[in-house]
Amino acid sequence: MKKIVRTLFIITILSLIPSSYSQSVSPLNNSESSSCPASLNFKFPRLQDEVAQNLCQYKGKVVMVVNTASYCGFTPQYEALESISSKYNAKGFVVLGFPSNDFGQQEPGTNKEIADFCKNTYDVKFPMFAKTVVSGSNPNPMFKLLIDKTGTSPKWNFYKYLIDRNGNVVEAYGSLVKPDSKSVTTKIEKLLAGNP
């Protein structure tokens, strides 16, 4: 009886989660994913218009995946993320941002509100995706893979993962590590040059 009540409680709670916060991820079919690394083999809705984006479009690039929030002490890292995105983009580097309300309820807005904030406050041009869950017992499938590969999950907003050109998850950086710090940019430059 307790299991039934617990299951009904969980179903009720899940039904209360707004659709903009749900796990809106589509698996790719075999023809789409045959040459796509597992670390990018996902589709996520784009932040500004919620149109599904195939992350396989970033295969062959060095990718930084970061969970973001608009009302966090680390929010100014958007500026550094945009800076490294601009600096290394032509060499094959991309930042992928995933807003999340997981930590301190610091991303309470709608996707449109988050998109407006990113554009108007930090002029973010790197790809941003719809608000999602990145931690706990039910992270979105990409973050689950990143957590499994690195053995570390986001502890707060602006946790960063690096993926090499071959789709290998090679590094995780905590929120205190700035995206444009020497340790991060040195690693990005090595990965862009094809060195681990």
Protein backbone atom coordinates (compact mmCIF):
# COMPACT_ATOMS: atom_id res chain seq x y z
CA MET A 1 0.00 0.00 0.00
CA LYS A 2 2.85 2.40 0.87
CA LYS A 3 4.43 1.82 -2.58
CA ILE A 4 1.15 2.68 -4.33
CA VAL A 5 0.71 5.87 -2.28
CA ARG A 6 4.36 6.84 -2.91
CA THR A 7 3.98 6.21 -6.66
CA LEU A 8 0.78 8.27 -6.82
CA PHE A 9 2.50 11.07 -4.89
CA ILE A 10 5.44 11.10 -7.32
CA ILE A 11 3.11 11.08 -10.33
CA THR A 12 1.15 13.98 -8.84
CA ILE A 13 4.32 16.00 -8.18
CA LEU A 14 5.65 15.33 -11.68
CA SER A 15 2.37 16.48 -13.20
CA LEU A 16 2.80 19.84 -11.45
CA ILE A 17 6.17 20.58 -13.09
CA PRO A 18 5.67 23.19 -15.82
CA SER A 19 6.18 21.93 -19.36
CA SER A 20 8.98 24.47 -19.93
CA TYR A 21 10.91 22.72 -17.16
CA SER A 22 10.33 19.17 -18.32
CA GLN A 23 12.89 16.95 -19.96
CA SER A 24 12.25 17.89 -23.60
CA VAL A 25 14.84 15.67 -25.19
CA SER A 26 14.32 13.57 -28.28
CA PRO A 27 16.41 10.51 -29.02
CA LEU A 28 17.95 10.52 -32.46
CA ASN A 29 17.11 7.80 -34.95
CA ASN A 30 19.88 5.47 -36.14
CA SER A 31 20.56 7.26 -39.42
CA GLU A 32 21.02 10.58 -37.62
CA SER A 33 23.21 9.16 -34.90
CA SER A 34 25.44 6.68 -36.74
CA SER A 35 28.46 8.99 -36.79
CA CYS A 36 27.51 11.17 -33.85
CA PRO A 37 29.36 10.65 -30.56
CA ALA A 38 27.19 9.58 -27.62
CA SER A 39 28.06 12.79 -25.76
CA LEU A 40 26.27 14.85 -28.45
CA ASN A 41 23.62 12.37 -29.53
CA PHE A 42 20.67 14.43 -28.27
CA LYS A 43 18.10 16.97 -29.37
CA PHE A 44 17.18 19.85 -27.09
CA PRO A 45 14.81 22.77 -27.63
CA ARG A 46 16.59 26.06 -28.32
CA LEU A 47 16.04 28.65 -25.57
CA GLN A 48 14.65 31.54 -27.59
CA ASP A 49 12.05 29.66 -29.64
CA GLU A 50 12.01 26.06 -28.30
CA VAL A 51 12.76 24.65 -31.78
CA ALA A 52 14.50 21.27 -31.36
CA GLN A 53 18.22 21.39 -32.07
CA ASN A 54 20.30 18.34 -32.93
CA LEU A 55 23.52 18.52 -30.91
CA CYS A 56 25.23 16.29 -33.49
CA GLN A 57 25.74 19.53 -35.44
CA TYR A 58 28.63 20.18 -33.00
CA LYS A 59 30.49 16.92 -33.66
CA GLY A 60 34.14 17.51 -34.49
CA LYS A 61 34.22 20.61 -32.27
CA VAL A 62 35.57 21.13 -28.79
CA VAL A 63 32.45 21.70 -26.68
CA MET A 64 31.97 23.31 -23.29
CA VAL A 65 28.65 22.40 -21.66
CA VAL A 66 27.58 24.65 -18.79
CA ASN A 67 24.51 24.89 -16.57
CA THR A 68 23.50 28.51 -16.11
CA ALA A 69 21.24 30.71 -13.98
CA SER A 70 20.22 34.36 -14.21
CA TYR A 71 20.18 35.24 -10.50
CA CYS A 72 23.38 33.70 -9.17
CA GLY A 73 26.64 35.12 -7.87
CA PHE A 74 28.32 33.33 -10.79
CA THR A 75 26.00 34.84 -13.42
CA PRO A 76 28.71 37.31 -14.53
CA GLN A 77 30.50 34.23 -15.94
CA TYR A 78 28.22 34.70 -18.96
CA GLU A 79 30.64 37.46 -19.99
CA ALA A 80 33.65 35.13 -19.84
CA LEU A 81 31.72 32.34 -21.60
CA GLU A 82 30.84 34.72 -24.43
CA SER A 83 34.44 35.92 -24.56
CA ILE A 84 35.95 32.43 -24.97
CA SER A 85 33.17 31.50 -27.37
CA SER A 86 34.07 34.45 -29.59
CA LYS A 87 37.82 33.93 -29.22
CA TYR A 88 37.87 30.22 -30.14
CA ASN A 89 34.75 29.77 -32.28
CA ALA A 90 36.55 30.02 -35.62
CA LYS A 91 38.99 27.33 -34.44
CA GLY A 92 36.19 24.85 -33.74
CA PHE A 93 35.03 25.62 -30.19
CA VAL A 94 31.46 26.07 -28.99
CA VAL A 95 29.81 26.78 -25.63
CA LEU A 96 26.40 25.17 -25.01
CA GLY A 97 24.37 26.73 -22.19
CA PHE A 98 21.65 24.92 -20.25
CA PRO A 99 19.66 27.12 -17.85
CA SER A 100 18.54 25.30 -14.74
CA ASN A 101 16.58 26.17 -11.62
CA ASP A 102 18.16 23.29 -9.68
CA PHE A 103 20.32 25.36 -7.34
CA GLY A 104 18.83 28.01 -5.06
CA GLN A 105 15.86 28.56 -7.38
CA GLN A 106 18.06 31.06 -9.22
CA GLU A 107 16.54 30.52 -12.67
CA PRO A 108 12.81 30.98 -12.03
CA GLY A 109 11.91 32.64 -15.34
CA THR A 110 10.36 31.30 -18.51
CA ASN A 111 12.51 30.41 -21.48
CA LYS A 112 11.62 33.75 -23.10
CA GLU A 113 12.54 35.69 -19.95
CA ILE A 114 15.87 33.82 -19.71
CA ALA A 115 16.62 34.43 -23.40
CA ASP A 116 15.85 38.15 -23.03
CA PHE A 117 18.05 38.39 -19.94
CA CYS A 118 20.99 36.63 -21.66
CA LYS A 119 20.75 38.84 -24.74
CA ASN A 120 20.04 42.15 -23.04
CA THR A 121 22.42 41.80 -20.08
CA TYR A 122 25.38 39.86 -21.51
CA ASP A 123 24.75 39.83 -25.28
CA VAL A 124 25.03 36.03 -25.25
CA LYS A 125 25.44 34.64 -28.76
CA PHE A 126 26.52 31.08 -28.02
CA PRO A 127 23.80 28.39 -28.23
CA MET A 128 21.44 28.28 -25.26
CA PHE A 129 18.81 25.63 -24.68
CA ALA A 130 15.51 25.49 -22.82
CA LYS A 131 15.50 25.35 -19.02
CA THR A 132 16.18 21.84 -17.82
CA VAL A 133 17.18 19.64 -14.90
CA VAL A 134 20.93 19.01 -14.59
CA SER A 135 21.31 17.35 -11.20
CA GLY A 136 19.62 15.14 -8.65
CA SER A 137 17.93 11.86 -9.43
CA ASN A 138 16.57 12.90 -12.82
CA PRO A 139 19.05 15.04 -14.77
CA ASN A 140 18.46 15.41 -18.48
CA PRO A 141 20.11 12.61 -20.49
CA MET A 142 23.08 14.71 -21.60
CA PHE A 143 23.96 15.75 -18.06
CA LYS A 144 23.43 12.17 -16.89
CA LEU A 145 26.05 11.08 -19.43
CA LEU A 146 28.42 13.91 -18.40
CA ILE A 147 28.00 12.96 -14.73
CA ASP A 148 28.59 9.27 -15.49
CA LYS A 149 31.70 9.97 -17.60
CA THR A 150 33.36 12.36 -15.14
CA GLY A 151 32.10 10.97 -11.85
CA THR A 152 31.08 14.47 -10.79
CA SER A 153 27.74 16.23 -10.95
CA PRO A 154 27.06 19.96 -10.89
CA LYS A 155 27.28 21.23 -7.33
CA TRP A 156 25.92 24.67 -8.26
CA ASN A 157 25.24 26.91 -11.26
CA PHE A 158 27.97 27.42 -13.88
CA TYR A 159 29.48 23.95 -13.59
CA LYS A 160 31.41 23.27 -16.80
CA TYR A 161 32.26 20.13 -18.79
CA LEU A 162 34.65 19.90 -21.75
CA ILE A 163 34.16 17.47 -24.64
CA ASP A 164 36.97 16.92 -27.16
CA ARG A 165 36.65 16.80 -30.96
CA ASN A 166 36.05 13.03 -30.81
CA GLY A 167 33.17 13.36 -28.35
CA ASN A 168 35.15 12.24 -25.28
CA VAL A 169 34.19 13.97 -22.05
CA VAL A 170 37.61 15.03 -20.81
CA GLU A 171 37.23 17.54 -17.98
CA ALA A 172 34.83 19.03 -15.45
CA TYR A 173 35.27 22.42 -13.76
CA GLY A 174 33.46 23.68 -10.69
CA SER A 175 31.56 26.92 -10.46
CA LEU A 176 34.48 28.77 -8.87
CA VAL A 177 36.66 28.14 -11.95
CA LYS A 178 36.14 31.01 -14.38
CA PRO A 179 35.64 29.98 -18.02
CA ASP A 180 38.44 32.27 -19.17
CA SER A 181 40.92 31.19 -16.47
CA LYS A 182 44.36 30.09 -17.65
CA SER A 183 43.72 26.43 -16.69
CA VAL A 184 40.56 26.31 -18.79
CA THR A 185 41.83 28.21 -21.83
CA THR A 186 45.06 26.18 -21.86
CA LYS A 187 43.01 22.97 -21.93
CA ILE A 188 40.74 24.35 -24.69
CA GLU A 189 43.77 25.31 -26.78
CA LYS A 190 45.30 21.83 -26.35
CA LEU A 191 42.04 20.17 -27.36
CA LEU A 192 41.67 22.46 -30.38
CA ALA A 193 45.19 21.42 -31.42
CA GLY A 194 44.19 17.77 -31.11
CA ASN A 195 46.15 17.11 -27.90
CA PRO A 196 44.50 15.52 -24.86
